[in-house]
Amino acid sequence: MSVEDPAVITCAISGVIANRDQCPAIPYTPEEYGEEARRAVAEGASMIHIHARKPDGTPSYEIEDFVAITEAIRQAAGDVIINYSTGTIGVPVEKRVAYLEAGRPEVAALNMGSMNYAKYSASRKAFVFDMVFANPFGEIIELLSAMNELGIRPEHECFDLGHVGSLAPLIDMGVLKAPLHVDCIMGVVGGVPPSARNLAAMAENIPWLHVGPEGGQRSHWGVIGISRQQWMLMAAGLTLGSSVRAGLEDNLYLPDGQMARSNGDLIAKAREMVEYVGRRPASVQEARTLLGVTPRAASNAQAGRSPAVN
């Protein structure tokens, strides 16, 4: 990718950590997910990243919740790339594969390594939460193999430079093929510190960043900034040629410090930043091309199955 390419804008619509006590706009029900997706797409998002919740806001890894949310988004927002999270703690791989198979998203996020995952409060001089986020190679390979079988494009979420390095052995094994779709996630305590220099270092280590294998398509990459560093990192990434992600999973606040009223508010600012650096948002079809994504109907046909979601 380069600054001459349009930027794919992804909306991470809810996450699993923040709740309505922290931000009233976070969606819980499928209908609320659909409306938030509609707002995001109207402002320039071409991909929607989903963590499922039950209607009471509880995080969910159940097939019925992913499918209901997907159906609501497609009905409200029309043609948009659907991206499921597979990152979690304590949920068996088999259960994550089951909702991928049922919902059949075009893209699914795949965490590329284990790490301490924490949030630190400088005012309290204490960790707000502190956990080990385990993503061993065995689980990565299981999830990647399922995605390959189902025709789902993996999004490699890298929280540190070592996670980018974890791509190479999987390529060598043949379970991962070019071009890649890699996102550099910055701002989580335990991961890489959020700076433009660190972002550039991560990007430069992505395989096939500047030229694809045998001169073919290059890898696609994006930046995901967590909390208020998001806007600075987005600006840095855009000038380096990245795509971007915004949404209530990552950051609740606009650049001026006001709380977002919706995902649409955040995506509108992301689109403005794309345009301010002289680039433009990718259309849904352009995003599919940049990501190397097979459209949903064709993907199901290749797999010999009927679409799970209409």
C-alpha atoms as a PDB file:
ATOM      1  CA  MET A   1       0.000   0.000   0.000  1.00  0.00           C
ATOM      2  CA  SER A   2       0.981   3.617  -0.498  1.00  0.00           C
ATOM      3  CA  VAL A   3      -0.463   7.101  -0.048  1.00  0.00           C
ATOM      4  CA  GLU A   4      -1.767   6.806  -3.590  1.00  0.00           C
ATOM      5  CA  ASP A   5      -4.179   4.061  -2.546  1.00  0.00           C
ATOM      6  CA  PRO A   6      -7.599   4.878  -1.090  1.00  0.00           C
ATOM      7  CA  ALA A   7      -7.838   4.208   2.649  1.00  0.00           C
ATOM      8  CA  VAL A   8     -10.149   1.508   3.958  1.00  0.00           C
ATOM      9  CA  ILE A   9     -12.074   2.939   6.915  1.00  0.00           C
ATOM     10  CA  THR A  10     -13.202   0.270   9.397  1.00  0.00           C
ATOM     11  CA  CYS A  11     -15.706   0.884  12.160  1.00  0.00           C
ATOM     12  CA  ALA A  12     -15.172  -1.175  15.343  1.00  0.00           C
ATOM     13  CA  ILE A  13     -18.701  -0.826  16.510  1.00  0.00           C
ATOM     14  CA  SER A  14     -18.817  -1.871  20.165  1.00  0.00           C
ATOM     15  CA  GLY A  15     -16.020  -3.995  21.646  1.00  0.00           C
ATOM     16  CA  VAL A  16     -16.697  -5.944  24.847  1.00  0.00           C
ATOM     17  CA  ILE A  17     -15.155  -3.820  27.619  1.00  0.00           C
ATOM     18  CA  ALA A  18     -16.890  -0.418  27.619  1.00  0.00           C
ATOM     19  CA  ASN A  19     -20.582  -0.168  28.545  1.00  0.00           C
ATOM     20  CA  ARG A  20     -23.354   2.403  28.484  1.00  0.00           C
ATOM     21  CA  ASP A  21     -22.352   3.800  31.862  1.00  0.00           C
ATOM     22  CA  GLN A  22     -19.211   4.982  30.077  1.00  0.00           C
ATOM     23  CA  CYS A  23     -20.828   5.877  26.740  1.00  0.00           C
ATOM     24  CA  PRO A  24     -24.601   5.815  26.084  1.00  0.00           C
ATOM     25  CA  ALA A  25     -24.085   5.247  22.343  1.00  0.00           C
ATOM     26  CA  ILE A  26     -22.650   1.722  22.660  1.00  0.00           C
ATOM     27  CA  PRO A  27     -25.063  -0.691  20.930  1.00  0.00           C
ATOM     28  CA  TYR A  28     -26.440  -3.757  22.694  1.00  0.00           C
ATOM     29  CA  THR A  29     -29.353  -5.079  20.599  1.00  0.00           C
ATOM     30  CA  PRO A  30     -29.120  -6.197  16.950  1.00  0.00           C
ATOM     31  CA  GLU A  31     -31.294  -3.251  15.935  1.00  0.00           C
ATOM     32  CA  GLU A  32     -28.911  -0.846  17.669  1.00  0.00           C
ATOM     33  CA  TYR A  33     -25.943  -2.473  15.941  1.00  0.00           C
ATOM     34  CA  GLY A  34     -27.740  -2.011  12.631  1.00  0.00           C
ATOM     35  CA  GLU A  35     -28.402   1.664  13.240  1.00  0.00           C
ATOM     36  CA  GLU A  36     -24.827   2.323  14.353  1.00  0.00           C
ATOM     37  CA  ALA A  37     -23.531   0.519  11.258  1.00  0.00           C
ATOM     38  CA  ARG A  38     -25.831   2.605   9.056  1.00  0.00           C
ATOM     39  CA  ARG A  39     -24.403   5.800  10.546  1.00  0.00           C
ATOM     40  CA  ALA A  40     -20.835   4.561  10.081  1.00  0.00           C
ATOM     41  CA  VAL A  41     -21.359   3.528   6.457  1.00  0.00           C
ATOM     42  CA  ALA A  42     -23.055   6.846   5.688  1.00  0.00           C
ATOM     43  CA  GLU A  43     -19.901   8.611   6.908  1.00  0.00           C
ATOM     44  CA  GLY A  44     -17.480   6.527   4.845  1.00  0.00           C
ATOM     45  CA  ALA A  45     -16.872   3.175   6.564  1.00  0.00           C
ATOM     46  CA  SER A  46     -16.496   0.220   4.206  1.00  0.00           C
ATOM     47  CA  MET A  47     -15.974  -2.488   6.861  1.00  0.00           C
ATOM     48  CA  ILE A  48     -17.741  -3.161  10.177  1.00  0.00           C
ATOM     49  CA  HIS A  49     -15.836  -5.034  12.911  1.00  0.00           C
ATOM     50  CA  ILE A  50     -18.132  -6.948  15.267  1.00  0.00           C
ATOM     51  CA  HIS A  51     -17.858  -8.158  18.837  1.00  0.00           C
ATOM     52  CA  ALA A  52     -21.256  -9.661  19.618  1.00  0.00           C
ATOM     53  CA  ARG A  53     -23.327  -8.810  22.670  1.00  0.00           C
ATOM     54  CA  LYS A  54     -26.569 -10.031  24.101  1.00  0.00           C
ATOM     55  CA  PRO A  55     -29.422  -7.487  24.273  1.00  0.00           C
ATOM     56  CA  ASP A  56     -28.511  -6.756  27.912  1.00  0.00           C
ATOM     57  CA  GLY A  57     -24.993  -5.756  26.840  1.00  0.00           C
ATOM     58  CA  THR A  58     -23.229  -8.921  28.019  1.00  0.00           C
ATOM     59  CA  PRO A  59     -20.448 -10.059  25.640  1.00  0.00           C
ATOM     60  CA  SER A  60     -21.567 -13.053  23.596  1.00  0.00           C
ATOM     61  CA  TYR A  61     -19.849 -15.782  21.603  1.00  0.00           C
ATOM     62  CA  GLU A  62     -23.074 -17.511  20.626  1.00  0.00           C
ATOM     63  CA  ILE A  63     -23.996 -18.216  17.010  1.00  0.00           C
ATOM     64  CA  GLU A  64     -27.458 -16.709  17.314  1.00  0.00           C
ATOM     65  CA  ASP A  65     -26.145 -13.346  18.499  1.00  0.00           C
ATOM     66  CA  PHE A  66     -23.529 -13.021  15.746  1.00  0.00           C
ATOM     67  CA  VAL A  67     -26.077 -14.001  13.097  1.00  0.00           C
ATOM     68  CA  ALA A  68     -28.789 -11.660  14.425  1.00  0.00           C
ATOM     69  CA  ILE A  69     -26.347  -8.733  14.550  1.00  0.00           C
ATOM     70  CA  THR A  70     -25.052  -9.503  11.050  1.00  0.00           C
ATOM     71  CA  GLU A  71     -28.568  -9.661   9.628  1.00  0.00           C
ATOM     72  CA  ALA A  72     -29.481  -6.360  11.298  1.00  0.00           C
ATOM     73  CA  ILE A  73     -26.363  -4.654   9.924  1.00  0.00           C
ATOM     74  CA  ARG A  74     -26.949  -5.892   6.391  1.00  0.00           C
ATOM     75  CA  GLN A  75     -30.560  -4.802   6.509  1.00  0.00           C
ATOM     76  CA  ALA A  76     -29.785  -1.328   7.876  1.00  0.00           C
ATOM     77  CA  ALA A  77     -26.450  -0.553   6.203  1.00  0.00           C
ATOM     78  CA  GLY A  78     -26.609  -2.437   2.901  1.00  0.00           C
ATOM     79  CA  ASP A  79     -23.463  -3.683   1.192  1.00  0.00           C
ATOM     80  CA  VAL A  80     -20.577  -3.465   3.647  1.00  0.00           C
ATOM     81  CA  ILE A  81     -17.723  -5.835   4.542  1.00  0.00           C
ATOM     82  CA  ILE A  82     -18.480  -7.742   7.754  1.00  0.00           C
ATOM     83  CA  ASN A  83     -15.537  -8.540  10.031  1.00  0.00           C
ATOM     84  CA  TYR A  84     -15.903 -10.809  13.102  1.00  0.00           C
ATOM     85  CA  SER A  85     -13.610 -10.752  16.107  1.00  0.00           C
ATOM     86  CA  THR A  86     -12.123 -14.072  17.219  1.00  0.00           C
ATOM     87  CA  GLY A  87     -10.101 -12.548  20.058  1.00  0.00           C
ATOM     88  CA  THR A  88     -11.180 -13.497  23.557  1.00  0.00           C
ATOM     89  CA  ILE A  89     -10.056 -15.124  26.774  1.00  0.00           C
ATOM     90  CA  GLY A  90     -11.368 -18.506  27.871  1.00  0.00           C
ATOM     91  CA  VAL A  91     -13.597 -19.280  24.868  1.00  0.00           C
ATOM     92  CA  PRO A  92     -12.679 -22.547  23.084  1.00  0.00           C
ATOM     93  CA  VAL A  93     -11.457 -22.338  19.505  1.00  0.00           C
ATOM     94  CA  GLU A  94     -14.281 -24.681  18.445  1.00  0.00           C
ATOM     95  CA  LYS A  95     -16.889 -22.178  19.606  1.00  0.00           C
ATOM     96  CA  ARG A  96     -15.212 -19.352  17.716  1.00  0.00           C
ATOM     97  CA  VAL A  97     -15.018 -21.462  14.566  1.00  0.00           C
ATOM     98  CA  ALA A  98     -18.726 -22.291  14.946  1.00  0.00           C
ATOM     99  CA  TYR A  99     -19.843 -18.669  14.762  1.00  0.00           C
ATOM    100  CA  LEU A 100     -17.483 -18.032  11.844  1.00  0.00           C
ATOM    101  CA  GLU A 101     -19.041 -20.938   9.973  1.00  0.00           C
ATOM    102  CA  ALA A 102     -22.602 -19.839  10.767  1.00  0.00           C
ATOM    103  CA  GLY A 103     -22.212 -16.124  10.068  1.00  0.00           C
ATOM    104  CA  ARG A 104     -19.633 -16.444   7.283  1.00  0.00           C
ATOM    105  CA  PRO A 105     -18.121 -12.943   7.458  1.00  0.00           C
ATOM    106  CA  GLU A 106     -15.831 -11.837   4.653  1.00  0.00           C
ATOM    107  CA  VAL A 107     -13.060 -10.990   7.159  1.00  0.00           C
ATOM    108  CA  ALA A 108     -12.194 -12.215  10.661  1.00  0.00           C
ATOM    109  CA  ALA A 109      -9.683 -10.705  13.083  1.00  0.00           C
ATOM    110  CA  LEU A 110      -6.893 -13.019  14.227  1.00  0.00           C
ATOM    111  CA  ASN A 111      -4.644 -12.035  17.143  1.00  0.00           C
ATOM    112  CA  MET A 112      -1.036 -12.808  16.322  1.00  0.00           C
ATOM    113  CA  GLY A 113       0.501 -13.440  19.731  1.00  0.00           C
ATOM    114  CA  SER A 114       0.185 -13.629  23.495  1.00  0.00           C
ATOM    115  CA  MET A 115       0.764 -10.611  25.731  1.00  0.00           C
ATOM    116  CA  ASN A 116       0.099  -8.920  29.044  1.00  0.00           C
ATOM    117  CA  TYR A 117      -3.089  -6.948  28.392  1.00  0.00           C
ATOM    118  CA  ALA A 118      -3.772  -4.152  30.838  1.00  0.00           C
ATOM    119  CA  LYS A 119      -5.023  -0.646  31.479  1.00  0.00           C
ATOM    120  CA  TYR A 120      -3.036   1.597  33.804  1.00  0.00           C
ATOM    121  CA  SER A 121      -4.284   4.624  35.752  1.00  0.00           C
ATOM    122  CA  ALA A 122      -1.572   7.200  36.374  1.00  0.00           C
ATOM    123  CA  SER A 123      -3.798   9.048  38.850  1.00  0.00           C
ATOM    124  CA  ARG A 124      -4.384   5.892  40.930  1.00  0.00           C
ATOM    125  CA  LYS A 125      -0.851   4.539  40.385  1.00  0.00           C
ATOM    126  CA  ALA A 126      -2.487   1.169  39.759  1.00  0.00           C
ATOM    127  CA  PHE A 127      -3.732  -1.093  36.978  1.00  0.00           C
ATOM    128  CA  VAL A 128      -7.446  -0.794  36.245  1.00  0.00           C
ATOM    129  CA  PHE A 129      -7.305  -4.330  34.881  1.00  0.00           C
ATOM    130  CA  ASP A 130      -4.458  -6.757  34.266  1.00  0.00           C
ATOM    131  CA  MET A 131      -4.687 -10.061  32.416  1.00  0.00           C
ATOM    132  CA  VAL A 132      -2.686 -12.411  30.214  1.00  0.00           C
ATOM    133  CA  PHE A 133      -4.100 -12.552  26.691  1.00  0.00           C
ATOM    134  CA  ALA A 134      -3.028 -15.992  25.475  1.00  0.00           C
ATOM    135  CA  ASN A 135      -2.844 -16.586  21.713  1.00  0.00           C
ATOM    136  CA  PRO A 136      -0.456 -19.536  21.218  1.00  0.00           C
ATOM    137  CA  PHE A 137       0.567 -20.620  17.731  1.00  0.00           C
ATOM    138  CA  GLY A 138      -1.532 -23.782  18.007  1.00  0.00           C
ATOM    139  CA  GLU A 139      -4.740 -21.754  18.382  1.00  0.00           C
ATOM    140  CA  ILE A 140      -3.665 -19.285  15.696  1.00  0.00           C
ATOM    141  CA  ILE A 141      -3.145 -22.166  13.258  1.00  0.00           C
ATOM    142  CA  GLU A 142      -6.526 -23.737  14.126  1.00  0.00           C
ATOM    143  CA  LEU A 143      -8.342 -20.468  13.525  1.00  0.00           C
ATOM    144  CA  LEU A 144      -6.362 -19.696  10.380  1.00  0.00           C
ATOM    145  CA  SER A 145      -7.028 -23.166   8.963  1.00  0.00           C
ATOM    146  CA  ALA A 146     -10.766 -22.722   9.569  1.00  0.00           C
ATOM    147  CA  MET A 147     -10.724 -19.325   7.879  1.00  0.00           C
ATOM    148  CA  ASN A 148      -8.921 -20.796   4.877  1.00  0.00           C
ATOM    149  CA  GLU A 149     -11.517 -23.557   4.588  1.00  0.00           C
ATOM    150  CA  LEU A 150     -14.436 -21.132   4.906  1.00  0.00           C
ATOM    151  CA  GLY A 151     -13.058 -18.554   2.468  1.00  0.00           C
ATOM    152  CA  ILE A 152     -12.721 -15.894   5.193  1.00  0.00           C
ATOM    153  CA  ARG A 153      -9.918 -13.349   4.916  1.00  0.00           C
ATOM    154  CA  PRO A 154      -7.838 -13.173   8.135  1.00  0.00           C
ATOM    155  CA  GLU A 155      -7.045  -9.748   9.564  1.00  0.00           C
ATOM    156  CA  HIS A 156      -3.785 -10.161  11.469  1.00  0.00           C
ATOM    157  CA  GLU A 157      -3.985  -8.013  14.609  1.00  0.00           C
ATOM    158  CA  CYS A 158      -0.468  -7.229  15.823  1.00  0.00           C
ATOM    159  CA  PHE A 159      -0.009  -5.573  19.211  1.00  0.00           C
ATOM    160  CA  ASP A 160       3.791  -5.606  19.069  1.00  0.00           C
ATOM    161  CA  LEU A 161       6.671  -5.954  16.631  1.00  0.00           C
ATOM    162  CA  GLY A 162       7.075  -9.586  17.668  1.00  0.00           C
ATOM    163  CA  HIS A 163       3.514 -10.270  16.542  1.00  0.00           C
ATOM    164  CA  VAL A 164       4.428  -8.999  13.062  1.00  0.00           C
ATOM    165  CA  GLY A 165       7.382 -11.382  13.177  1.00  0.00           C
ATOM    166  CA  SER A 166       4.979 -14.247  13.914  1.00  0.00           C
ATOM    167  CA  LEU A 167       3.667 -14.021  10.355  1.00  0.00           C
ATOM    168  CA  ALA A 168       6.856 -15.425   8.781  1.00  0.00           C
ATOM    169  CA  PRO A 169       6.709 -19.024  10.117  1.00  0.00           C
ATOM    170  CA  LEU A 170       3.032 -19.290   9.166  1.00  0.00           C
ATOM    171  CA  ILE A 171       3.879 -18.193   5.631  1.00  0.00           C
ATOM    172  CA  ASP A 172       6.672 -20.760   5.535  1.00  0.00           C
ATOM    173  CA  MET A 173       4.266 -23.477   6.716  1.00  0.00           C
ATOM    174  CA  GLY A 174       1.881 -22.624   3.890  1.00  0.00           C
ATOM    175  CA  VAL A 175      -1.126 -21.906   6.143  1.00  0.00           C
ATOM    176  CA  LEU A 176      -0.815 -18.198   5.394  1.00  0.00           C
ATOM    177  CA  LYS A 177      -0.616 -16.872   1.859  1.00  0.00           C
ATOM    178  CA  ALA A 178      -0.058 -13.457   0.304  1.00  0.00           C
ATOM    179  CA  PRO A 179      -1.203 -10.815   0.128  1.00  0.00           C
ATOM    180  CA  LEU A 180      -1.731 -10.198   3.836  1.00  0.00           C
ATOM    181  CA  HIS A 181      -4.150  -7.935   5.682  1.00  0.00           C
ATOM    182  CA  VAL A 182      -2.329  -6.677   8.806  1.00  0.00           C
ATOM    183  CA  ASP A 183      -3.413  -4.170  11.455  1.00  0.00           C
ATOM    184  CA  CYS A 184      -0.950  -2.587  13.879  1.00  0.00           C
ATOM    185  CA  ILE A 185      -2.680  -2.037  17.237  1.00  0.00           C
ATOM    186  CA  MET A 186      -1.120   0.538  19.533  1.00  0.00           C
ATOM    187  CA  GLY A 187      -2.055   2.006  22.895  1.00  0.00           C
ATOM    188  CA  VAL A 188      -2.655  -1.147  24.939  1.00  0.00           C
ATOM    189  CA  VAL A 189      -0.441  -1.441  28.033  1.00  0.00           C
ATOM    190  CA  GLY A 190       1.655  -4.567  27.481  1.00  0.00           C
ATOM    191  CA  GLY A 191       1.902  -3.924  23.741  1.00  0.00           C
ATOM    192  CA  VAL A 192       4.053  -1.587  21.685  1.00  0.00           C
ATOM    193  CA  PRO A 193       4.115   2.037  22.949  1.00  0.00           C
ATOM    194  CA  PRO A 194       2.029   4.332  20.725  1.00  0.00           C
ATOM    195  CA  SER A 195       4.349   6.455  18.602  1.00  0.00           C
ATOM    196  CA  ALA A 196       4.783   7.244  14.926  1.00  0.00           C
ATOM    197  CA  ARG A 197       8.303   5.778  14.930  1.00  0.00           C
ATOM    198  CA  ASN A 198       7.112   2.489  16.409  1.00  0.00           C
ATOM    199  CA  LEU A 199       4.267   2.366  13.899  1.00  0.00           C
ATOM    200  CA  ALA A 200       6.703   2.836  11.025  1.00  0.00           C
ATOM    201  CA  ALA A 201       8.904   0.037  12.386  1.00  0.00           C
ATOM    202  CA  MET A 202       5.965  -2.361  12.596  1.00  0.00           C
ATOM    203  CA  ALA A 203       4.827  -1.507   9.081  1.00  0.00           C
ATOM    204  CA  GLU A 204       8.286  -1.991   7.591  1.00  0.00           C
ATOM    205  CA  ASN A 205       8.366  -5.546   8.946  1.00  0.00           C
ATOM    206  CA  ILE A 206       5.104  -6.614   7.280  1.00  0.00           C
ATOM    207  CA  PRO A 207       5.887  -9.226   4.586  1.00  0.00           C
ATOM    208  CA  TRP A 208       5.268  -8.070   1.012  1.00  0.00           C
ATOM    209  CA  LEU A 209       4.571  -4.486   2.137  1.00  0.00           C
ATOM    210  CA  HIS A 210       6.204  -2.841  -0.880  1.00  0.00           C
ATOM    211  CA  VAL A 211       5.929  -5.582  -3.483  1.00  0.00           C
ATOM    212  CA  GLY A 212       3.779  -8.677  -3.610  1.00  0.00           C
ATOM    213  CA  PRO A 213       5.113 -12.198  -4.164  1.00  0.00           C
ATOM    214  CA  GLU A 214       6.223 -12.601  -7.780  1.00  0.00           C
ATOM    215  CA  GLY A 215       5.347  -8.956  -8.331  1.00  0.00           C
ATOM    216  CA  GLY A 216       1.655  -9.470  -7.489  1.00  0.00           C
ATOM    217  CA  GLN A 217      -0.611  -7.699  -5.023  1.00  0.00           C
ATOM    218  CA  ARG A 218       1.078  -6.090  -2.019  1.00  0.00           C
ATOM    219  CA  SER A 219      -0.010  -6.629   1.552  1.00  0.00           C
ATOM    220  CA  HIS A 220      -2.616  -4.284   2.971  1.00  0.00           C
ATOM    221  CA  TRP A 221      -2.099  -2.709   6.395  1.00  0.00           C
ATOM    222  CA  GLY A 222      -3.870  -0.409   8.803  1.00  0.00           C
ATOM    223  CA  VAL A 223      -3.435   1.281  12.146  1.00  0.00           C
ATOM    224  CA  ILE A 224      -5.689   0.846  15.174  1.00  0.00           C
ATOM    225  CA  GLY A 225      -5.100   3.402  17.923  1.00  0.00           C
ATOM    226  CA  ILE A 226      -6.594   2.681  21.331  1.00  0.00           C
ATOM    227  CA  SER A 227      -7.943   5.525  23.476  1.00  0.00           C
ATOM    228  CA  ARG A 228      -7.060   9.161  22.851  1.00  0.00           C
ATOM    229  CA  GLN A 229      -3.786   8.430  21.064  1.00  0.00           C
ATOM    230  CA  GLN A 230      -5.984   7.177  18.236  1.00  0.00           C
ATOM    231  CA  TRP A 231      -6.062  10.444  16.303  1.00  0.00           C
ATOM    232  CA  MET A 232      -2.309  11.016  16.409  1.00  0.00           C
ATOM    233  CA  LEU A 233      -1.654   7.449  15.280  1.00  0.00           C
ATOM    234  CA  MET A 234      -4.261   7.708  12.540  1.00  0.00           C
ATOM    235  CA  ALA A 235      -2.546  10.807  11.158  1.00  0.00           C
ATOM    236  CA  ALA A 236       0.831   9.058  11.236  1.00  0.00           C
ATOM    237  CA  GLY A 237      -0.530   5.943   9.546  1.00  0.00           C
ATOM    238  CA  LEU A 238      -2.290   7.839   6.791  1.00  0.00           C
ATOM    239  CA  THR A 239       0.908   9.644   5.840  1.00  0.00           C
ATOM    240  CA  LEU A 240       2.690   6.266   5.708  1.00  0.00           C
ATOM    241  CA  GLY A 241       0.027   4.748   3.435  1.00  0.00           C
ATOM    242  CA  SER A 242      -2.124   2.844   5.942  1.00  0.00           C
ATOM    243  CA  SER A 243      -5.834   2.296   6.241  1.00  0.00           C
ATOM    244  CA  VAL A 244      -7.535   3.262   9.508  1.00  0.00           C
ATOM    245  CA  ARG A 245     -10.039   2.093  12.105  1.00  0.00           C
ATOM    246  CA  ALA A 246     -12.244   4.096  14.445  1.00  0.00           C
ATOM    247  CA  GLY A 247     -15.305   3.317  16.536  1.00  0.00           C
ATOM    248  CA  LEU A 248     -16.585   2.921  20.061  1.00  0.00           C
ATOM    249  CA  GLU A 249     -14.522  -0.211  20.695  1.00  0.00           C
ATOM    250  CA  ASP A 250     -11.288   1.770  20.436  1.00  0.00           C
ATOM    251  CA  ASN A 251     -12.000   5.290  21.640  1.00  0.00           C
ATOM    252  CA  LEU A 252     -15.069   7.118  22.941  1.00  0.00           C
ATOM    253  CA  TYR A 253     -13.847  10.660  22.308  1.00  0.00           C
ATOM    254  CA  LEU A 254     -13.536  13.010  19.342  1.00  0.00           C
ATOM    255  CA  PRO A 255     -10.288  14.931  18.776  1.00  0.00           C
ATOM    256  CA  ASP A 256     -11.629  17.971  20.677  1.00  0.00           C
ATOM    257  CA  GLY A 257     -12.286  15.845  23.776  1.00  0.00           C
ATOM    258  CA  GLN A 258     -16.055  15.604  23.399  1.00  0.00           C
ATOM    259  CA  MET A 259     -17.640  12.182  23.801  1.00  0.00           C
ATOM    260  CA  ALA A 260     -18.909  10.750  20.530  1.00  0.00           C
ATOM    261  CA  ARG A 261     -22.688  10.587  20.174  1.00  0.00           C
ATOM    262  CA  SER A 262     -22.395   7.607  17.812  1.00  0.00           C
ATOM    263  CA  ASN A 263     -19.970   5.565  15.766  1.00  0.00           C
ATOM    264  CA  GLY A 264     -20.927   7.861  12.910  1.00  0.00           C
ATOM    265  CA  ASP A 265     -19.320  10.823  14.692  1.00  0.00           C
ATOM    266  CA  LEU A 266     -16.023   8.953  14.966  1.00  0.00           C
ATOM    267  CA  ILE A 267     -16.058   7.703  11.372  1.00  0.00           C
ATOM    268  CA  ALA A 268     -16.838  11.209  10.123  1.00  0.00           C
ATOM    269  CA  LYS A 269     -13.662  12.479  11.824  1.00  0.00           C
ATOM    270  CA  ALA A 270     -11.663   9.566  10.428  1.00  0.00           C
ATOM    271  CA  ARG A 271     -12.929  10.394   6.938  1.00  0.00           C
ATOM    272  CA  GLU A 272     -11.964  14.052   7.424  1.00  0.00           C
ATOM    273  CA  MET A 273      -8.441  12.995   8.394  1.00  0.00           C
ATOM    274  CA  VAL A 274      -8.181  10.784   5.314  1.00  0.00           C
ATOM    275  CA  GLU A 275      -9.185  13.722   3.147  1.00  0.00           C
ATOM    276  CA  TYR A 276      -6.970  16.247   4.947  1.00  0.00           C
ATOM    277  CA  VAL A 277      -3.829  14.278   4.018  1.00  0.00           C
ATOM    278  CA  GLY A 278      -4.888  14.189   0.379  1.00  0.00           C
ATOM    279  CA  ARG A 279      -6.278  10.670   0.268  1.00  0.00           C
ATOM    280  CA  ARG A 280      -9.841   9.403  -0.088  1.00  0.00           C
ATOM    281  CA  PRO A 281     -11.952   6.723   1.570  1.00  0.00           C
ATOM    282  CA  ALA A 282     -12.143   3.411  -0.260  1.00  0.00           C
ATOM    283  CA  SER A 283     -15.518   2.300  -1.535  1.00  0.00           C
ATOM    284  CA  VAL A 284     -16.724  -1.129  -0.450  1.00  0.00           C
ATOM    285  CA  GLN A 285     -15.648  -2.628  -3.759  1.00  0.00           C
ATOM    286  CA  GLU A 286     -12.240  -0.917  -3.609  1.00  0.00           C
ATOM    287  CA  ALA A 287     -11.829  -2.181  -0.043  1.00  0.00           C
ATOM    288  CA  ARG A 288     -12.521  -5.747  -1.169  1.00  0.00           C
ATOM    289  CA  THR A 289      -9.838  -5.414  -3.828  1.00  0.00           C
ATOM    290  CA  LEU A 290      -7.274  -3.911  -1.444  1.00  0.00           C
ATOM    291  CA  LEU A 291      -7.946  -6.572   1.201  1.00  0.00           C
ATOM    292  CA  GLY A 292      -8.025  -9.436  -1.297  1.00  0.00           C
ATOM    293  CA  VAL A 293     -11.537 -10.295  -0.121  1.00  0.00           C
ATOM    294  CA  THR A 294     -13.910 -12.532  -2.029  1.00  0.00           C
ATOM    295  CA  PRO A 295     -17.456 -11.132  -1.968  1.00  0.00           C
ATOM    296  CA  ARG A 296     -19.731 -12.982   0.425  1.00  0.00           C
ATOM    297  CA  ALA A 297     -21.983 -14.740  -2.126  1.00  0.00           C
ATOM    298  CA  ALA A 298     -19.017 -15.991  -4.161  1.00  0.00           C
ATOM    299  CA  SER A 299     -17.242 -17.138  -1.013  1.00  0.00           C
ATOM    300  CA  ASN A 300     -20.208 -19.298   0.002  1.00  0.00           C
ATOM    301  CA  ALA A 301     -20.514 -20.751  -3.482  1.00  0.00           C
ATOM    302  CA  GLN A 302     -16.844 -21.720  -3.522  1.00  0.00           C
ATOM    303  CA  ALA A 303     -17.235 -23.435  -0.193  1.00  0.00           C
ATOM    304  CA  GLY A 304     -20.169 -25.428  -1.566  1.00  0.00           C
ATOM    305  CA  ARG A 305     -22.588 -24.069   1.020  1.00  0.00           C
ATOM    306  CA  SER A 306     -25.596 -21.775   0.998  1.00  0.00           C
ATOM    307  CA  PRO A 307     -25.145 -18.357   2.595  1.00  0.00           C
ATOM    308  CA  ALA A 308     -25.835 -18.473   6.319  1.00  0.00           C
ATOM    309  CA  VAL A 309     -26.929 -14.845   6.383  1.00  0.00           C
ATOM    310  CA  ASN A 310     -29.158 -13.150   3.819  1.00  0.00           C
END
